[in-house]
Amino acid sequence: MGIRVAVAGASGYAGGELLRLIAGHPEFDLVSATAHSQAGAPVSAVHPHLVGLDLTLGPTEAATLADADLVFLALPHGQSAALAAALPETVKVVDLGADHRLRDGAAWHRYYGGSHAGAWTYGLPELPGQRTAIAAANRVAATGCYAVSTILALAPLIAAGAVSTQDVVVVAASGTSGAGRAAKVNLLGSEVMGDLTPYKVGAHQHVPEIKQATGATSLSFTPVLAPMPRGILATVTALPLGAGASDPRSVLADAYADSPFVHVLPEGIFPHTAATYGSNSCHLQATVDVDSGRVIVVSAIDNLGKGAAGQAVQCANLMLGLPETTGVPVHGVAP
């Protein structure tokens, strides 16, 4: 028998992607998966692409999950903390929700409301020192989807002194799966197709997470809903500082030379979302605007991969002493 894992919130899009990755993982045995309204349904009835995965969704309760070695929590924001607290301390946990990402309780209250549950080890292995921290942790807070696409583009440039921490501007487009699986009028195909819609303009909840992880002190973030099921394309611009700003692509290439999931593309080739579908990879390209002089980094990820389930499995691998690439796809699918 392999490592026993469980998934809470398995009926959602991120939960379904976790189940798919776990089913193909050579070291994991899926022992339980839970849902709320879908409890009692076979997994294949909720996720038809997982036909053959012979498991029935149980209720989202600690007792259903406590027999696992590691539990993934793919629950709505604000619902992970109580469930995690009810699990035995010996059970490792990766939380895909926001409950434990922020160190600043005031920032949590401002963007999410309610009580702050405290910070866990932050689950972005590509940040300096985080692989070691994640490997030593029993509780890990995985990143937000928009956050990881922006942090990977920005953090090395700030760390190298190549760009200013002030006046960072991000515009990022996401597929509809980022909004979850609940039925909403604005997510109907007839509403989304042929349309681009900004939302949470000037007050998106990933802003404090991005600032915390990158060191940015002033950040304007505009998310856009795009007519595609999955993927994020983020354009990050910042004011140049020092000699490093003249070649931001080299700064990124040096920072991610040993990172199997982050790919700085060849000079002049820019990321696009379809190239990352189904993968845990992030594609990056950097340049300098010939008119304004601002540094521009374009970042593409699969929001259900590097932005959610793939990142969570990458973190779980490190926590369990496995190579971080085990069972996690580096390459996307096409067409």
Protein backbone atom coordinates (compact mmCIF):
# COMPACT_ATOMS: atom_id res chain seq x y z
CA MET A 1 0.00 0.00 0.00
CA GLY A 2 1.20 3.50 -0.86
CA ILE A 3 0.83 6.81 0.93
CA ARG A 4 -2.79 7.27 1.99
CA VAL A 5 -4.29 10.56 0.83
CA ALA A 6 -7.75 12.12 1.02
CA VAL A 7 -9.46 15.08 -0.64
CA ALA A 8 -12.03 17.34 1.01
CA GLY A 9 -14.09 19.36 -1.46
CA ALA A 10 -13.65 16.80 -4.21
CA SER A 11 -16.74 17.81 -6.20
CA GLY A 12 -15.33 21.15 -7.38
CA TYR A 13 -13.04 21.82 -10.31
CA ALA A 14 -9.85 21.96 -8.21
CA GLY A 15 -11.01 18.89 -6.29
CA GLY A 16 -11.61 17.01 -9.52
CA GLU A 17 -8.17 17.94 -10.80
CA LEU A 18 -6.67 16.68 -7.53
CA LEU A 19 -8.47 13.36 -7.97
CA ARG A 20 -7.12 13.07 -11.52
CA LEU A 21 -3.54 13.72 -10.43
CA ILE A 22 -3.79 11.41 -7.43
CA ALA A 23 -5.18 8.61 -9.62
CA GLY A 24 -2.04 8.80 -11.75
CA HIS A 25 0.41 9.29 -8.89
CA PRO A 26 2.72 6.26 -8.42
CA GLU A 27 3.00 6.68 -4.63
CA PHE A 28 -0.50 7.80 -3.61
CA ASP A 29 -3.52 5.72 -2.65
CA LEU A 30 -6.79 7.68 -2.56
CA VAL A 31 -8.62 6.46 0.56
CA SER A 32 -11.45 9.00 0.78
CA ALA A 33 -12.95 12.00 -0.98
CA THR A 34 -15.65 14.25 0.43
CA ALA A 35 -18.21 16.75 -0.76
CA HIS A 36 -21.13 18.71 0.64
CA SER A 37 -24.24 18.56 -1.52
CA GLN A 38 -22.77 15.75 -3.63
CA ALA A 39 -22.03 13.43 -0.69
CA GLY A 40 -23.22 9.92 -1.51
CA ALA A 41 -22.60 10.27 -5.25
CA PRO A 42 -20.02 8.16 -7.10
CA VAL A 43 -16.97 10.17 -8.17
CA SER A 44 -17.58 9.29 -11.82
CA ALA A 45 -21.11 10.74 -11.63
CA VAL A 46 -19.71 14.11 -10.52
CA HIS A 47 -16.58 13.97 -12.69
CA PRO A 48 -17.38 11.92 -15.82
CA HIS A 49 -13.76 12.15 -17.01
CA LEU A 50 -12.77 10.05 -13.97
CA VAL A 51 -14.76 6.99 -15.01
CA GLY A 52 -13.21 3.91 -13.42
CA LEU A 53 -12.29 5.71 -10.20
CA ASP A 54 -14.37 3.51 -7.94
CA LEU A 55 -15.09 5.74 -4.96
CA THR A 56 -18.17 7.32 -3.41
CA LEU A 57 -18.01 10.86 -2.07
CA GLY A 58 -18.46 11.05 1.69
CA PRO A 59 -19.52 13.90 3.98
CA THR A 60 -16.95 16.60 4.68
CA GLU A 61 -16.13 15.64 8.25
CA ALA A 62 -12.85 15.11 10.07
CA ALA A 63 -13.78 11.48 10.80
CA THR A 64 -13.98 10.76 7.07
CA LEU A 65 -10.47 12.12 6.48
CA ALA A 66 -8.51 11.30 9.64
CA ASP A 67 -7.27 7.90 8.46
CA ALA A 68 -5.14 9.47 5.72
CA ASP A 69 -1.44 10.28 5.89
CA LEU A 70 -2.08 13.54 4.03
CA VAL A 71 -5.28 15.50 3.36
CA PHE A 72 -5.88 18.02 0.60
CA LEU A 73 -8.46 20.69 1.46
CA ALA A 74 -10.14 22.11 -1.65
CA LEU A 75 -12.84 24.06 0.16
CA PRO A 76 -14.23 27.60 -0.21
CA HIS A 77 -12.33 30.35 1.55
CA GLY A 78 -13.11 30.43 5.26
CA GLN A 79 -14.07 26.76 5.53
CA SER A 80 -10.68 25.04 5.83
CA ALA A 81 -9.51 26.24 9.24
CA ALA A 82 -12.15 24.52 11.36
CA LEU A 83 -11.79 21.22 9.52
CA ALA A 84 -7.99 21.30 9.68
CA ALA A 85 -8.09 22.01 13.41
CA ALA A 86 -10.22 18.89 13.91
CA LEU A 87 -7.72 16.60 12.16
CA PRO A 88 -5.01 14.81 14.17
CA GLU A 89 -1.69 16.68 14.29
CA THR A 90 -0.02 13.61 12.76
CA VAL A 91 -2.00 14.09 9.53
CA LYS A 92 -0.24 16.33 7.03
CA VAL A 93 -2.49 18.92 5.36
CA VAL A 94 -2.25 20.98 2.17
CA ASP A 95 -4.91 23.70 2.06
CA LEU A 96 -5.83 25.03 -1.39
CA GLY A 97 -8.01 27.72 0.19
CA ALA A 98 -6.93 31.10 1.52
CA ASP A 99 -7.47 30.47 5.24
CA HIS A 100 -3.79 30.15 6.17
CA ARG A 101 -1.93 32.10 3.46
CA LEU A 102 -1.69 35.53 5.05
CA ARG A 103 0.51 36.44 8.01
CA ASP A 104 -1.29 39.75 8.55
CA GLY A 105 -4.60 39.31 10.34
CA ALA A 106 -5.71 42.84 9.43
CA ALA A 107 -5.17 42.11 5.73
CA TRP A 108 -7.20 38.91 6.07
CA HIS A 109 -10.08 40.77 7.70
CA ARG A 110 -9.97 43.54 5.08
CA TYR A 111 -10.10 41.23 2.05
CA TYR A 112 -11.93 38.17 3.36
CA GLY A 113 -13.71 39.19 6.57
CA GLY A 114 -14.15 37.05 9.67
CA SER A 115 -11.52 35.73 12.05
CA HIS A 116 -7.94 35.13 10.95
CA ALA A 117 -6.93 31.48 11.48
CA GLY A 118 -3.17 32.12 11.48
CA ALA A 119 -0.50 31.50 8.84
CA TRP A 120 0.94 28.18 7.73
CA THR A 121 4.08 27.53 5.69
CA TYR A 122 3.51 29.14 2.30
CA GLY A 123 3.28 26.61 -0.51
CA LEU A 124 5.29 28.09 -3.36
CA PRO A 125 8.43 25.94 -3.69
CA GLU A 126 10.10 28.26 -6.19
CA LEU A 127 10.54 31.05 -3.64
CA PRO A 128 13.97 31.10 -1.96
CA GLY A 129 14.13 28.65 0.95
CA GLN A 130 10.56 27.42 0.52
CA ARG A 131 11.38 23.90 -0.66
CA THR A 132 13.16 23.26 2.63
CA ALA A 133 10.40 24.91 4.66
CA ILE A 134 7.66 22.93 2.89
CA ALA A 135 9.55 19.66 3.33
CA ALA A 136 9.73 20.27 7.09
CA ALA A 137 6.08 21.31 7.48
CA ASN A 138 2.97 19.37 8.52
CA ARG A 139 0.64 22.15 7.40
CA VAL A 140 1.08 24.02 4.09
CA ALA A 141 -1.06 26.78 2.57
CA ALA A 142 -1.01 26.48 -1.20
CA THR A 143 -0.99 29.65 -3.29
CA GLY A 144 -3.86 31.46 -4.93
CA CYS A 145 -4.10 31.03 -8.70
CA TYR A 146 -3.65 34.67 -9.73
CA ALA A 147 -1.07 35.01 -6.99
CA VAL A 148 1.29 32.32 -8.29
CA SER A 149 1.20 33.65 -11.86
CA THR A 150 2.15 37.11 -10.58
CA ILE A 151 4.61 36.10 -7.85
CA LEU A 152 6.68 33.94 -10.19
CA ALA A 153 6.90 36.87 -12.63
CA LEU A 154 7.73 39.53 -10.05
CA ALA A 155 9.53 38.10 -7.01
CA PRO A 156 12.99 37.50 -8.55
CA LEU A 157 13.06 40.99 -10.08
CA ILE A 158 12.32 42.66 -6.75
CA ALA A 159 14.81 40.38 -4.95
CA ALA A 160 17.52 41.30 -7.46
CA GLY A 161 16.82 45.04 -7.12
CA ALA A 162 15.90 45.19 -10.82
CA VAL A 163 12.48 46.80 -10.29
CA SER A 164 10.82 49.06 -7.76
CA THR A 165 8.54 47.68 -5.07
CA GLN A 166 6.17 50.58 -5.78
CA ASP A 167 3.74 51.11 -8.64
CA VAL A 168 3.53 47.48 -9.74
CA VAL A 169 0.63 47.01 -12.18
CA VAL A 170 -0.92 43.64 -13.01
CA VAL A 171 -3.68 42.82 -15.48
CA ALA A 172 -4.55 39.12 -15.57
CA ALA A 173 -7.18 37.12 -17.45
CA SER A 174 -8.51 33.83 -16.08
CA GLY A 175 -10.69 31.05 -17.38
CA THR A 176 -14.12 30.47 -15.86
CA SER A 177 -13.08 27.45 -13.78
CA GLY A 178 -11.31 29.91 -11.49
CA ALA A 179 -14.73 31.08 -10.30
CA GLY A 180 -15.68 27.60 -9.07
CA ARG A 181 -18.36 25.16 -10.13
CA ALA A 182 -21.42 26.71 -8.50
CA ALA A 183 -24.13 27.74 -10.96
CA LYS A 184 -24.00 31.51 -11.58
CA VAL A 185 -25.71 33.51 -14.31
CA ASN A 186 -22.53 35.41 -15.22
CA LEU A 187 -20.72 32.12 -15.86
CA LEU A 188 -23.29 30.67 -18.27
CA GLY A 189 -21.86 29.93 -21.70
CA SER A 190 -24.21 32.43 -23.33
CA GLU A 191 -22.95 35.15 -20.98
CA VAL A 192 -19.24 34.36 -21.19
CA MET A 193 -18.65 33.52 -24.85
CA GLY A 194 -17.44 36.49 -26.86
CA ASP A 195 -17.00 38.62 -23.75
CA LEU A 196 -14.23 39.86 -21.44
CA THR A 197 -15.34 41.07 -18.02
CA PRO A 198 -13.28 42.76 -15.29
CA TYR A 199 -14.29 41.99 -11.72
CA LYS A 200 -13.26 42.89 -8.16
CA VAL A 201 -11.45 45.84 -9.70
CA GLY A 202 -9.27 47.58 -7.15
CA ALA A 203 -10.04 45.14 -4.33
CA HIS A 204 -9.05 41.59 -5.28
CA GLN A 205 -8.22 39.24 -2.40
CA HIS A 206 -4.92 38.06 -3.89
CA VAL A 207 -3.30 41.51 -3.57
CA PRO A 208 -2.03 41.06 0.04
CA GLU A 209 -0.77 37.56 -0.79
CA ILE A 210 1.22 38.87 -3.77
CA LYS A 211 2.66 41.72 -1.72
CA GLN A 212 3.58 39.36 1.12
CA ALA A 213 5.42 36.94 -1.17
CA THR A 214 7.19 39.46 -3.42
CA GLY A 215 7.94 42.43 -1.19
CA ALA A 216 5.90 44.77 -3.40
CA THR A 217 4.61 47.75 -1.41
CA SER A 218 2.13 49.22 -3.92
CA LEU A 219 0.24 47.04 -6.37
CA SER A 220 -2.69 47.65 -8.72
CA PHE A 221 -4.37 44.40 -9.78
CA THR A 222 -7.15 44.03 -12.36
CA PRO A 223 -8.57 40.53 -12.96
CA VAL A 224 -10.50 39.74 -16.13
CA LEU A 225 -12.85 36.83 -16.77
CA ALA A 226 -12.00 35.30 -20.15
CA PRO A 227 -14.15 33.04 -22.35
CA MET A 228 -12.15 29.85 -21.80
CA PRO A 229 -12.50 27.07 -19.23
CA ARG A 230 -9.01 27.17 -17.74
CA GLY A 231 -5.77 29.14 -17.82
CA ILE A 232 -4.35 32.46 -16.59
CA LEU A 233 -2.37 35.01 -18.58
CA ALA A 234 -0.88 37.74 -16.39
CA THR A 235 0.91 40.85 -17.59
CA VAL A 236 3.05 42.34 -14.82
CA THR A 237 4.75 45.72 -15.23
CA ALA A 238 7.10 47.53 -12.86
CA LEU A 239 9.42 50.53 -12.75
CA PRO A 240 13.05 49.67 -13.54
CA LEU A 241 15.88 50.01 -11.04
CA GLY A 242 19.58 49.39 -11.53
CA ALA A 243 21.42 47.43 -14.20
CA GLY A 244 19.30 44.29 -13.75
CA ALA A 245 16.29 46.03 -15.25
CA SER A 246 18.03 46.21 -18.63
CA ASP A 247 17.88 42.42 -18.93
CA PRO A 248 14.96 41.18 -16.81
CA ARG A 249 14.78 37.93 -18.75
CA SER A 250 18.26 36.93 -17.51
CA VAL A 251 17.22 37.66 -13.91
CA LEU A 252 14.27 35.28 -14.28
CA ALA A 253 16.33 32.63 -16.08
CA ASP A 254 18.95 32.64 -13.31
CA ALA A 255 16.29 32.49 -10.59
CA TYR A 256 14.54 29.47 -12.08
CA ALA A 257 17.51 27.56 -13.51
CA ASP A 258 16.83 24.66 -11.13
CA SER A 259 13.03 24.85 -11.08
CA PRO A 260 11.47 22.03 -13.14
CA PHE A 261 8.09 23.71 -13.50
CA VAL A 262 9.08 27.29 -14.39
CA HIS A 263 10.17 27.89 -17.98
CA VAL A 264 11.61 31.18 -19.21
CA LEU A 265 10.85 31.01 -22.92
CA PRO A 266 13.36 31.75 -25.68
CA GLU A 267 13.95 35.39 -26.49
CA GLY A 268 11.00 36.91 -28.34
CA ILE A 269 8.59 34.01 -27.64
CA PHE A 270 5.70 35.00 -25.37
CA PRO A 271 3.55 32.72 -23.20
CA HIS A 272 0.02 31.68 -24.07
CA THR A 273 -2.41 29.79 -21.91
CA ALA A 274 -3.08 26.78 -24.15
CA ALA A 275 0.58 25.73 -23.90
CA THR A 276 0.17 25.18 -20.14
CA TYR A 277 -3.20 23.33 -20.13
CA GLY A 278 -3.08 20.19 -18.00
CA SER A 279 0.40 20.97 -16.67
CA ASN A 280 1.94 22.29 -13.48
CA SER A 281 4.22 24.60 -15.43
CA CYS A 282 4.52 28.37 -15.59
CA HIS A 283 5.77 29.97 -18.81
CA LEU A 284 7.47 33.36 -18.53
CA GLN A 285 8.87 36.02 -20.82
CA ALA A 286 10.29 39.45 -19.95
CA THR A 287 11.11 42.57 -21.88
CA VAL A 288 11.40 46.34 -21.46
CA ASP A 289 8.79 48.67 -22.94
CA VAL A 290 10.49 50.81 -25.58
CA ASP A 291 8.31 53.84 -24.80
CA SER A 292 7.82 53.91 -21.03
CA GLY A 293 10.91 51.94 -20.02
CA ARG A 294 8.81 49.80 -17.69
CA VAL A 295 9.76 46.16 -17.22
CA ILE A 296 7.08 43.81 -18.58
CA VAL A 297 6.75 40.15 -17.63
CA VAL A 298 4.09 37.93 -19.18
CA SER A 299 3.16 34.78 -17.26
CA ALA A 300 0.94 31.85 -18.26
CA ILE A 301 -0.29 28.98 -16.08
CA ASP A 302 -3.15 26.52 -15.89
CA ASN A 303 -5.20 27.88 -13.00
CA LEU A 304 -6.20 24.31 -12.02
CA GLY A 305 -2.59 23.11 -12.36
CA LYS A 306 0.14 25.41 -11.05
CA GLY A 307 -2.65 27.61 -9.72
CA ALA A 308 -4.31 24.90 -7.63
CA ALA A 309 -4.14 21.09 -7.76
CA GLY A 310 -0.75 20.66 -9.42
CA GLN A 311 0.88 23.06 -6.99
CA ALA A 312 -0.77 21.25 -4.07
CA VAL A 313 0.57 17.86 -5.19
CA GLN A 314 4.02 19.40 -5.75
CA CYS A 315 3.96 20.61 -2.13
CA ALA A 316 2.66 17.25 -0.88
CA ASN A 317 5.53 15.49 -2.61
CA LEU A 318 8.04 17.67 -0.77
CA MET A 319 6.26 17.15 2.56
CA LEU A 320 6.38 13.38 2.05
CA GLY A 321 10.04 13.21 1.01
CA LEU A 322 9.32 12.50 -2.67
CA PRO A 323 10.81 14.24 -5.72
CA GLU A 324 8.63 17.29 -6.31
CA THR A 325 7.87 16.24 -9.90
CA THR A 326 6.40 12.84 -8.93
CA GLY A 327 3.02 12.37 -10.58
CA VAL A 328 2.84 16.03 -11.64
CA PRO A 329 2.85 16.84 -15.38
CA VAL A 330 5.50 19.25 -16.64
CA HIS A 331 4.10 19.37 -20.17
CA GLY A 332 0.68 20.55 -21.29
CA VAL A 333 -1.78 18.95 -23.69
CA ALA A 334 -2.58 20.08 -27.21
CA PRO A 335 -4.59 21.04 -29.12
